[in-house]
Amino acid sequence: MSRKLPVLLGIAVMSLAAVSWAGPSAPAVRPPPATLDPANFVAVVDNPYYPLPPGRILVYKGVRDGLTQTDRVTVTNQTKVIQGVTTTVVRDVARHGTRLLEQTTDWYAQDVDGNVWYFGEDTKSYDANGQVVSTEGSWETGVDGAVPGIIMEANPRSPDGYRQEFYKGHAEDQAWVLSRGGSLSVPYGLVHHVLRTMEWTALEPSVVDQKYYSPGLGIVREISVAGGHEVAKLARVGAA
């Protein structure tokens, strides 16, 4: 999902920010919860910046690892109960032309305050022959010490920081809110009141990403600003 690449100076600043924010002077990052209470979660995910209405399909166009890529994200009608919490099942299929690159199933749930929690993912990467070559990054809350994180706050404000996932050594993404407001043009159209975040993980300390979210849609743009070249932009929204 996609965003606009800043000038080179901006890239350097973001990269340094990721490193410095990992230290003692970093903005507070909300830690993983010690326990989960299923009674604190609701049945629907309707956070404005991360809505997951069943049946919605989001199509993203971009480039990853030197290949053009199309991501088809489907909010299914299926649910999965994880540690007593009923999560929404979302499927993401990435292709280069007709070649399958990656297939991921994600699990999300929203709490009574409106925060959207990430409960894990089952991800598979494929080679040119369609064979699974990696499942790295897969994790599930409650398995092998993994705990959920927040994928989107109820009311995100700069400089909020939060852990999006935590499975030590495998999934340790963190996010910081950079700004909120303004407009952005993506292939889908012109979107407004955009939320911009930075993402970073200690597992890939030289890599910094930015994501842009629009109310009612969720992610509309994603881009690597340091440590790689990956970009994706929302191209189409449909229904199953």
C-alpha atoms as a PDB file:
ATOM      1  CA  MET A   1       0.000   0.000   0.000  1.00  0.00           C
ATOM      2  CA  SER A   2       1.561   3.149  -0.974  1.00  0.00           C
ATOM      3  CA  ARG A   3       2.988   6.533  -0.097  1.00  0.00           C
ATOM      4  CA  LYS A   4       5.075   9.249  -1.565  1.00  0.00           C
ATOM      5  CA  LEU A   5       8.839   8.965  -1.413  1.00  0.00           C
ATOM      6  CA  PRO A   6      10.374  12.032   0.255  1.00  0.00           C
ATOM      7  CA  VAL A   7      13.519  13.750  -1.012  1.00  0.00           C
ATOM      8  CA  LEU A   8      16.831  12.151  -0.096  1.00  0.00           C
ATOM      9  CA  LEU A   9      17.189  14.328   2.966  1.00  0.00           C
ATOM     10  CA  GLY A  10      13.810  13.151   4.179  1.00  0.00           C
ATOM     11  CA  ILE A  11      14.848   9.546   3.712  1.00  0.00           C
ATOM     12  CA  ALA A  12      17.949  10.069   5.809  1.00  0.00           C
ATOM     13  CA  VAL A  13      15.970  11.801   8.545  1.00  0.00           C
ATOM     14  CA  MET A  14      13.415   8.995   8.685  1.00  0.00           C
ATOM     15  CA  SER A  15      16.129   6.368   8.829  1.00  0.00           C
ATOM     16  CA  LEU A  16      17.855   8.141  11.692  1.00  0.00           C
ATOM     17  CA  ALA A  17      14.540   8.596  13.432  1.00  0.00           C
ATOM     18  CA  ALA A  18      13.914   4.867  13.355  1.00  0.00           C
ATOM     19  CA  VAL A  19      17.259   4.172  14.977  1.00  0.00           C
ATOM     20  CA  SER A  20      16.984   6.905  17.596  1.00  0.00           C
ATOM     21  CA  TRP A  21      13.396   6.050  18.466  1.00  0.00           C
ATOM     22  CA  ALA A  22      14.504   2.561  19.370  1.00  0.00           C
ATOM     23  CA  GLY A  23      16.528   4.038  22.231  1.00  0.00           C
ATOM     24  CA  PRO A  24      15.746   5.436  25.695  1.00  0.00           C
ATOM     25  CA  SER A  25      14.555   8.822  24.378  1.00  0.00           C
ATOM     26  CA  ALA A  26      12.003   7.276  22.038  1.00  0.00           C
ATOM     27  CA  PRO A  27       8.326   8.229  22.261  1.00  0.00           C
ATOM     28  CA  ALA A  28       6.517   5.734  24.450  1.00  0.00           C
ATOM     29  CA  VAL A  29       5.546   2.550  22.639  1.00  0.00           C
ATOM     30  CA  ARG A  30       2.507   0.809  24.068  1.00  0.00           C
ATOM     31  CA  PRO A  31       3.704  -2.601  25.341  1.00  0.00           C
ATOM     32  CA  PRO A  32       2.007  -5.928  24.640  1.00  0.00           C
ATOM     33  CA  PRO A  33      -0.786  -6.761  27.116  1.00  0.00           C
ATOM     34  CA  ALA A  34      -0.117  -9.221  29.917  1.00  0.00           C
ATOM     35  CA  THR A  35      -3.569 -10.793  29.562  1.00  0.00           C
ATOM     36  CA  LEU A  36      -6.590 -10.563  27.284  1.00  0.00           C
ATOM     37  CA  ASP A  37     -10.226 -10.231  28.338  1.00  0.00           C
ATOM     38  CA  PRO A  38     -12.558 -11.379  25.539  1.00  0.00           C
ATOM     39  CA  ALA A  39     -15.306  -9.243  27.099  1.00  0.00           C
ATOM     40  CA  ASN A  40     -13.329  -6.143  26.060  1.00  0.00           C
ATOM     41  CA  PHE A  41     -13.760  -6.922  22.353  1.00  0.00           C
ATOM     42  CA  VAL A  42     -16.660  -6.271  19.978  1.00  0.00           C
ATOM     43  CA  ALA A  43     -17.979  -8.201  16.989  1.00  0.00           C
ATOM     44  CA  VAL A  44     -17.205  -5.679  14.237  1.00  0.00           C
ATOM     45  CA  VAL A  45     -14.105  -3.796  13.115  1.00  0.00           C
ATOM     46  CA  ASP A  46     -15.300  -0.308  12.160  1.00  0.00           C
ATOM     47  CA  ASN A  47     -12.374   1.896  13.178  1.00  0.00           C
ATOM     48  CA  PRO A  48     -12.430   4.738  10.585  1.00  0.00           C
ATOM     49  CA  TYR A  49      -8.762   4.262   9.675  1.00  0.00           C
ATOM     50  CA  TYR A  50      -8.902   0.452   9.662  1.00  0.00           C
ATOM     51  CA  PRO A  51     -12.432  -0.683   8.762  1.00  0.00           C
ATOM     52  CA  LEU A  52     -12.918  -4.351   7.929  1.00  0.00           C
ATOM     53  CA  PRO A  53     -16.453  -4.822   6.590  1.00  0.00           C
ATOM     54  CA  PRO A  54     -16.940  -8.457   5.523  1.00  0.00           C
ATOM     55  CA  GLY A  55     -16.931  -8.865   1.760  1.00  0.00           C
ATOM     56  CA  ARG A  56     -14.761  -5.846   0.986  1.00  0.00           C
ATOM     57  CA  ILE A  57     -11.945  -6.286  -1.538  1.00  0.00           C
ATOM     58  CA  LEU A  58      -9.026  -3.859  -1.766  1.00  0.00           C
ATOM     59  CA  VAL A  59      -6.653  -4.056  -4.730  1.00  0.00           C
ATOM     60  CA  TYR A  60      -3.193  -2.479  -4.537  1.00  0.00           C
ATOM     61  CA  LYS A  61      -0.677  -1.973  -7.346  1.00  0.00           C
ATOM     62  CA  GLY A  62       3.032  -1.478  -6.803  1.00  0.00           C
ATOM     63  CA  VAL A  63       6.570  -2.823  -6.851  1.00  0.00           C
ATOM     64  CA  ARG A  64       8.386  -5.124  -4.451  1.00  0.00           C
ATOM     65  CA  ASP A  65      11.846  -6.668  -4.727  1.00  0.00           C
ATOM     66  CA  GLY A  66      12.126  -5.371  -8.279  1.00  0.00           C
ATOM     67  CA  LEU A  67       8.889  -6.988  -9.449  1.00  0.00           C
ATOM     68  CA  THR A  68       5.579  -5.348 -10.231  1.00  0.00           C
ATOM     69  CA  GLN A  69       3.011  -6.620  -7.792  1.00  0.00           C
ATOM     70  CA  THR A  70      -0.742  -6.721  -7.334  1.00  0.00           C
ATOM     71  CA  ASP A  71      -2.132  -7.310  -3.846  1.00  0.00           C
ATOM     72  CA  ARG A  72      -5.729  -8.426  -3.474  1.00  0.00           C
ATOM     73  CA  VAL A  73      -6.917  -8.025   0.127  1.00  0.00           C
ATOM     74  CA  THR A  74     -10.239  -9.664   0.990  1.00  0.00           C
ATOM     75  CA  VAL A  75     -12.139  -9.197   4.244  1.00  0.00           C
ATOM     76  CA  THR A  76     -13.807 -12.575   4.567  1.00  0.00           C
ATOM     77  CA  ASN A  77     -17.011 -13.546   6.336  1.00  0.00           C
ATOM     78  CA  GLN A  78     -14.975 -16.019   8.373  1.00  0.00           C
ATOM     79  CA  THR A  79     -13.880 -15.637  11.977  1.00  0.00           C
ATOM     80  CA  LYS A  80     -11.260 -17.340  14.112  1.00  0.00           C
ATOM     81  CA  VAL A  81     -11.390 -17.564  17.901  1.00  0.00           C
ATOM     82  CA  ILE A  82      -7.995 -16.839  19.456  1.00  0.00           C
ATOM     83  CA  GLN A  83      -7.703 -16.971  23.247  1.00  0.00           C
ATOM     84  CA  GLY A  84     -11.440 -16.459  23.525  1.00  0.00           C
ATOM     85  CA  VAL A  85     -11.525 -13.435  21.187  1.00  0.00           C
ATOM     86  CA  THR A  86     -13.450 -13.723  17.919  1.00  0.00           C
ATOM     87  CA  THR A  87     -11.241 -12.256  15.210  1.00  0.00           C
ATOM     88  CA  THR A  88     -12.003 -11.208  11.625  1.00  0.00           C
ATOM     89  CA  VAL A  89     -10.158 -13.219   8.986  1.00  0.00           C
ATOM     90  CA  VAL A  90      -8.505 -11.195   6.200  1.00  0.00           C
ATOM     91  CA  ARG A  91      -6.719 -12.741   3.209  1.00  0.00           C
ATOM     92  CA  ASP A  92      -3.972 -11.043   1.203  1.00  0.00           C
ATOM     93  CA  VAL A  93      -2.776 -12.570  -2.067  1.00  0.00           C
ATOM     94  CA  ALA A  94       0.202 -10.992  -3.870  1.00  0.00           C
ATOM     95  CA  ARG A  95       0.989 -11.775  -7.503  1.00  0.00           C
ATOM     96  CA  HIS A  96       3.419 -10.704 -10.220  1.00  0.00           C
ATOM     97  CA  GLY A  97       1.217 -11.114 -13.275  1.00  0.00           C
ATOM     98  CA  THR A  98      -0.194 -14.621 -12.880  1.00  0.00           C
ATOM     99  CA  ARG A  99       2.658 -15.801 -10.666  1.00  0.00           C
ATOM    100  CA  LEU A 100       1.767 -16.241  -7.006  1.00  0.00           C
ATOM    101  CA  LEU A 101       4.313 -14.497  -4.761  1.00  0.00           C
ATOM    102  CA  GLU A 102       2.808 -14.565  -1.296  1.00  0.00           C
ATOM    103  CA  GLN A 103      -0.389 -15.568   0.451  1.00  0.00           C
ATOM    104  CA  THR A 104      -1.259 -14.389   3.949  1.00  0.00           C
ATOM    105  CA  THR A 105      -4.164 -14.850   6.331  1.00  0.00           C
ATOM    106  CA  ASP A 106      -4.409 -12.203   9.065  1.00  0.00           C
ATOM    107  CA  TRP A 107      -6.566 -12.030  12.211  1.00  0.00           C
ATOM    108  CA  TYR A 108      -7.913  -8.776  13.669  1.00  0.00           C
ATOM    109  CA  ALA A 109     -10.332  -7.733  16.404  1.00  0.00           C
ATOM    110  CA  GLN A 110     -11.511  -4.385  17.761  1.00  0.00           C
ATOM    111  CA  ASP A 111     -11.810  -3.538  21.448  1.00  0.00           C
ATOM    112  CA  VAL A 112     -14.632  -1.597  23.084  1.00  0.00           C
ATOM    113  CA  ASP A 113     -12.607   1.634  22.872  1.00  0.00           C
ATOM    114  CA  GLY A 114     -12.153   1.336  19.107  1.00  0.00           C
ATOM    115  CA  ASN A 115      -8.530   0.140  18.951  1.00  0.00           C
ATOM    116  CA  VAL A 116      -7.904  -2.565  16.330  1.00  0.00           C
ATOM    117  CA  TRP A 117      -5.720  -5.422  17.550  1.00  0.00           C
ATOM    118  CA  TYR A 118      -3.576  -7.713  15.431  1.00  0.00           C
ATOM    119  CA  PHE A 119      -3.729 -11.336  16.600  1.00  0.00           C
ATOM    120  CA  GLY A 120      -1.349 -12.902  14.112  1.00  0.00           C
ATOM    121  CA  GLU A 121      -0.845 -14.125  10.582  1.00  0.00           C
ATOM    122  CA  ASP A 122      -0.263 -17.276   8.589  1.00  0.00           C
ATOM    123  CA  THR A 123       2.006 -16.302   5.700  1.00  0.00           C
ATOM    124  CA  LYS A 124       3.575 -18.278   2.863  1.00  0.00           C
ATOM    125  CA  SER A 125       6.031 -17.160   0.167  1.00  0.00           C
ATOM    126  CA  TYR A 126       6.255 -19.042  -3.136  1.00  0.00           C
ATOM    127  CA  ASP A 127       8.972 -19.659  -5.717  1.00  0.00           C
ATOM    128  CA  ALA A 128       8.562 -19.465  -9.497  1.00  0.00           C
ATOM    129  CA  ASN A 129       7.283 -23.062  -9.527  1.00  0.00           C
ATOM    130  CA  GLY A 130       4.501 -22.314  -7.054  1.00  0.00           C
ATOM    131  CA  GLN A 131       6.191 -24.129  -4.184  1.00  0.00           C
ATOM    132  CA  VAL A 132       6.193 -22.733  -0.644  1.00  0.00           C
ATOM    133  CA  VAL A 133       9.708 -21.555   0.193  1.00  0.00           C
ATOM    134  CA  SER A 134       9.114 -19.721   3.467  1.00  0.00           C
ATOM    135  CA  THR A 135       6.584 -19.239   6.252  1.00  0.00           C
ATOM    136  CA  GLU A 136       8.805 -16.777   8.161  1.00  0.00           C
ATOM    137  CA  GLY A 137       6.820 -14.069   9.900  1.00  0.00           C
ATOM    138  CA  SER A 138       3.906 -16.347  10.761  1.00  0.00           C
ATOM    139  CA  TRP A 139       2.678 -16.109  14.345  1.00  0.00           C
ATOM    140  CA  GLU A 140      -0.444 -16.483  16.464  1.00  0.00           C
ATOM    141  CA  THR A 141      -1.354 -14.924  19.784  1.00  0.00           C
ATOM    142  CA  GLY A 142      -0.818 -17.385  22.616  1.00  0.00           C
ATOM    143  CA  VAL A 143       1.481 -19.681  20.646  1.00  0.00           C
ATOM    144  CA  ASP A 144       5.131 -19.867  21.717  1.00  0.00           C
ATOM    145  CA  GLY A 145       4.889 -16.660  23.735  1.00  0.00           C
ATOM    146  CA  ALA A 146       3.418 -14.495  20.943  1.00  0.00           C
ATOM    147  CA  VAL A 147       1.135 -11.650  22.039  1.00  0.00           C
ATOM    148  CA  PRO A 148      -1.133  -9.313  20.053  1.00  0.00           C
ATOM    149  CA  GLY A 149      -0.415  -5.716  19.204  1.00  0.00           C
ATOM    150  CA  ILE A 150      -2.353  -2.679  18.062  1.00  0.00           C
ATOM    151  CA  ILE A 151      -2.607  -2.227  14.303  1.00  0.00           C
ATOM    152  CA  MET A 152      -4.612   0.996  14.602  1.00  0.00           C
ATOM    153  CA  GLU A 153      -5.481   3.212  17.557  1.00  0.00           C
ATOM    154  CA  ALA A 154      -9.012   4.452  18.164  1.00  0.00           C
ATOM    155  CA  ASN A 155      -7.833   8.063  17.955  1.00  0.00           C
ATOM    156  CA  PRO A 156      -4.297   8.155  16.513  1.00  0.00           C
ATOM    157  CA  ARG A 157      -2.339  11.314  17.301  1.00  0.00           C
ATOM    158  CA  SER A 158       1.300  12.302  16.816  1.00  0.00           C
ATOM    159  CA  PRO A 159       3.653  11.210  18.380  1.00  0.00           C
ATOM    160  CA  ASP A 160       1.800   8.090  19.576  1.00  0.00           C
ATOM    161  CA  GLY A 161       3.840   4.895  19.397  1.00  0.00           C
ATOM    162  CA  TYR A 162       2.547   1.334  19.623  1.00  0.00           C
ATOM    163  CA  ARG A 163       3.716  -2.220  19.106  1.00  0.00           C
ATOM    164  CA  GLN A 164       1.833  -3.872  16.271  1.00  0.00           C
ATOM    165  CA  GLU A 165       2.887  -7.453  16.926  1.00  0.00           C
ATOM    166  CA  PHE A 166       5.257  -9.403  19.108  1.00  0.00           C
ATOM    167  CA  TYR A 167       6.676 -12.849  18.497  1.00  0.00           C
ATOM    168  CA  LYS A 168      10.271 -12.567  19.610  1.00  0.00           C
ATOM    169  CA  GLY A 169      12.738 -12.952  16.788  1.00  0.00           C
ATOM    170  CA  HIS A 170      10.035 -13.332  14.143  1.00  0.00           C
ATOM    171  CA  ALA A 171       7.466 -10.509  14.305  1.00  0.00           C
ATOM    172  CA  GLU A 172       8.328  -7.281  16.134  1.00  0.00           C
ATOM    173  CA  ASP A 173       6.845  -4.410  14.112  1.00  0.00           C
ATOM    174  CA  GLN A 174       6.353  -1.043  15.808  1.00  0.00           C
ATOM    175  CA  ALA A 175       4.580   2.083  14.529  1.00  0.00           C
ATOM    176  CA  TRP A 176       4.602   5.819  15.277  1.00  0.00           C
ATOM    177  CA  VAL A 177       2.011   8.382  14.213  1.00  0.00           C
ATOM    178  CA  LEU A 178       3.667  11.140  12.167  1.00  0.00           C
ATOM    179  CA  SER A 179       0.751  13.320  11.101  1.00  0.00           C
ATOM    180  CA  ARG A 180      -2.976  13.466  10.534  1.00  0.00           C
ATOM    181  CA  GLY A 181      -4.702  15.602   7.945  1.00  0.00           C
ATOM    182  CA  GLY A 182      -4.217  16.628   4.350  1.00  0.00           C
ATOM    183  CA  SER A 183      -5.019  14.932   1.050  1.00  0.00           C
ATOM    184  CA  LEU A 184      -3.329  12.333  -1.133  1.00  0.00           C
ATOM    185  CA  SER A 185      -3.842  11.147  -4.696  1.00  0.00           C
ATOM    186  CA  VAL A 186      -3.680   7.406  -5.399  1.00  0.00           C
ATOM    187  CA  PRO A 187      -4.946   5.457  -8.425  1.00  0.00           C
ATOM    188  CA  TYR A 188      -8.249   4.874  -6.604  1.00  0.00           C
ATOM    189  CA  GLY A 189      -8.771   8.644  -6.363  1.00  0.00           C
ATOM    190  CA  LEU A 190      -8.144  11.679  -4.185  1.00  0.00           C
ATOM    191  CA  VAL A 191      -8.472  10.901  -0.465  1.00  0.00           C
ATOM    192  CA  HIS A 192      -8.629  13.321   2.452  1.00  0.00           C
ATOM    193  CA  HIS A 193      -7.939  13.519   6.208  1.00  0.00           C
ATOM    194  CA  VAL A 194      -4.980  11.199   5.678  1.00  0.00           C
ATOM    195  CA  LEU A 195      -3.160   9.564   8.589  1.00  0.00           C
ATOM    196  CA  ARG A 196       0.596   9.007   8.089  1.00  0.00           C
ATOM    197  CA  THR A 197       2.627   6.553  10.178  1.00  0.00           C
ATOM    198  CA  MET A 198       6.179   5.217  10.291  1.00  0.00           C
ATOM    199  CA  GLU A 199       6.912   1.522  10.817  1.00  0.00           C
ATOM    200  CA  TRP A 200      10.144  -0.083  11.934  1.00  0.00           C
ATOM    201  CA  THR A 201      11.340  -3.369  13.427  1.00  0.00           C
ATOM    202  CA  ALA A 202      14.478  -4.304  15.334  1.00  0.00           C
ATOM    203  CA  LEU A 203      14.643  -7.406  13.130  1.00  0.00           C
ATOM    204  CA  GLU A 204      15.437  -5.181  10.102  1.00  0.00           C
ATOM    205  CA  PRO A 205      16.884  -2.036  11.711  1.00  0.00           C
ATOM    206  CA  SER A 206      17.901  -0.381   8.425  1.00  0.00           C
ATOM    207  CA  VAL A 207      14.406  -0.613   6.922  1.00  0.00           C
ATOM    208  CA  VAL A 208      11.859   2.188   7.445  1.00  0.00           C
ATOM    209  CA  ASP A 209       8.380   2.228   5.947  1.00  0.00           C
ATOM    210  CA  GLN A 210       5.631   4.803   5.823  1.00  0.00           C
ATOM    211  CA  LYS A 211       1.927   4.062   5.530  1.00  0.00           C
ATOM    212  CA  TYR A 212      -0.942   6.358   4.670  1.00  0.00           C
ATOM    213  CA  TYR A 213      -4.504   5.668   5.801  1.00  0.00           C
ATOM    214  CA  SER A 214      -7.789   7.253   4.714  1.00  0.00           C
ATOM    215  CA  PRO A 215     -11.047   7.237   6.712  1.00  0.00           C
ATOM    216  CA  GLY A 216     -13.451   4.585   5.490  1.00  0.00           C
ATOM    217  CA  LEU A 217     -10.763   2.804   3.459  1.00  0.00           C
ATOM    218  CA  GLY A 218      -7.764   1.970   5.618  1.00  0.00           C
ATOM    219  CA  ILE A 219      -4.347   1.769   3.958  1.00  0.00           C
ATOM    220  CA  VAL A 220      -4.177   3.735   0.713  1.00  0.00           C
ATOM    221  CA  ARG A 221      -0.432   4.010   0.230  1.00  0.00           C
ATOM    222  CA  GLU A 222       2.708   2.289   1.532  1.00  0.00           C
ATOM    223  CA  ILE A 223       6.342   2.956   0.698  1.00  0.00           C
ATOM    224  CA  SER A 224       9.836   2.097   1.883  1.00  0.00           C
ATOM    225  CA  VAL A 225      11.734   5.284   2.705  1.00  0.00           C
ATOM    226  CA  ALA A 226      14.957   3.562   3.783  1.00  0.00           C
ATOM    227  CA  GLY A 227      16.512   0.129   3.341  1.00  0.00           C
ATOM    228  CA  GLY A 228      14.664  -1.065   0.279  1.00  0.00           C
ATOM    229  CA  HIS A 229      12.312  -0.243  -2.556  1.00  0.00           C
ATOM    230  CA  GLU A 230       8.704  -1.202  -2.009  1.00  0.00           C
ATOM    231  CA  VAL A 231       5.632   0.789  -2.937  1.00  0.00           C
ATOM    232  CA  ALA A 232       1.927  -0.016  -3.178  1.00  0.00           C
ATOM    233  CA  LYS A 233      -1.077   2.182  -3.907  1.00  0.00           C
ATOM    234  CA  LEU A 234      -4.784   1.547  -3.593  1.00  0.00           C
ATOM    235  CA  ALA A 235      -6.173   1.040  -7.089  1.00  0.00           C
ATOM    236  CA  ARG A 236      -9.627  -0.393  -6.577  1.00  0.00           C
ATOM    237  CA  VAL A 237     -12.249  -1.110  -3.918  1.00  0.00           C
ATOM    238  CA  GLY A 238     -14.920  -3.718  -4.529  1.00  0.00           C
ATOM    239  CA  ALA A 239     -17.088  -6.364  -2.932  1.00  0.00           C
ATOM    240  CA  ALA A 240     -16.968 -10.134  -3.009  1.00  0.00           C
END
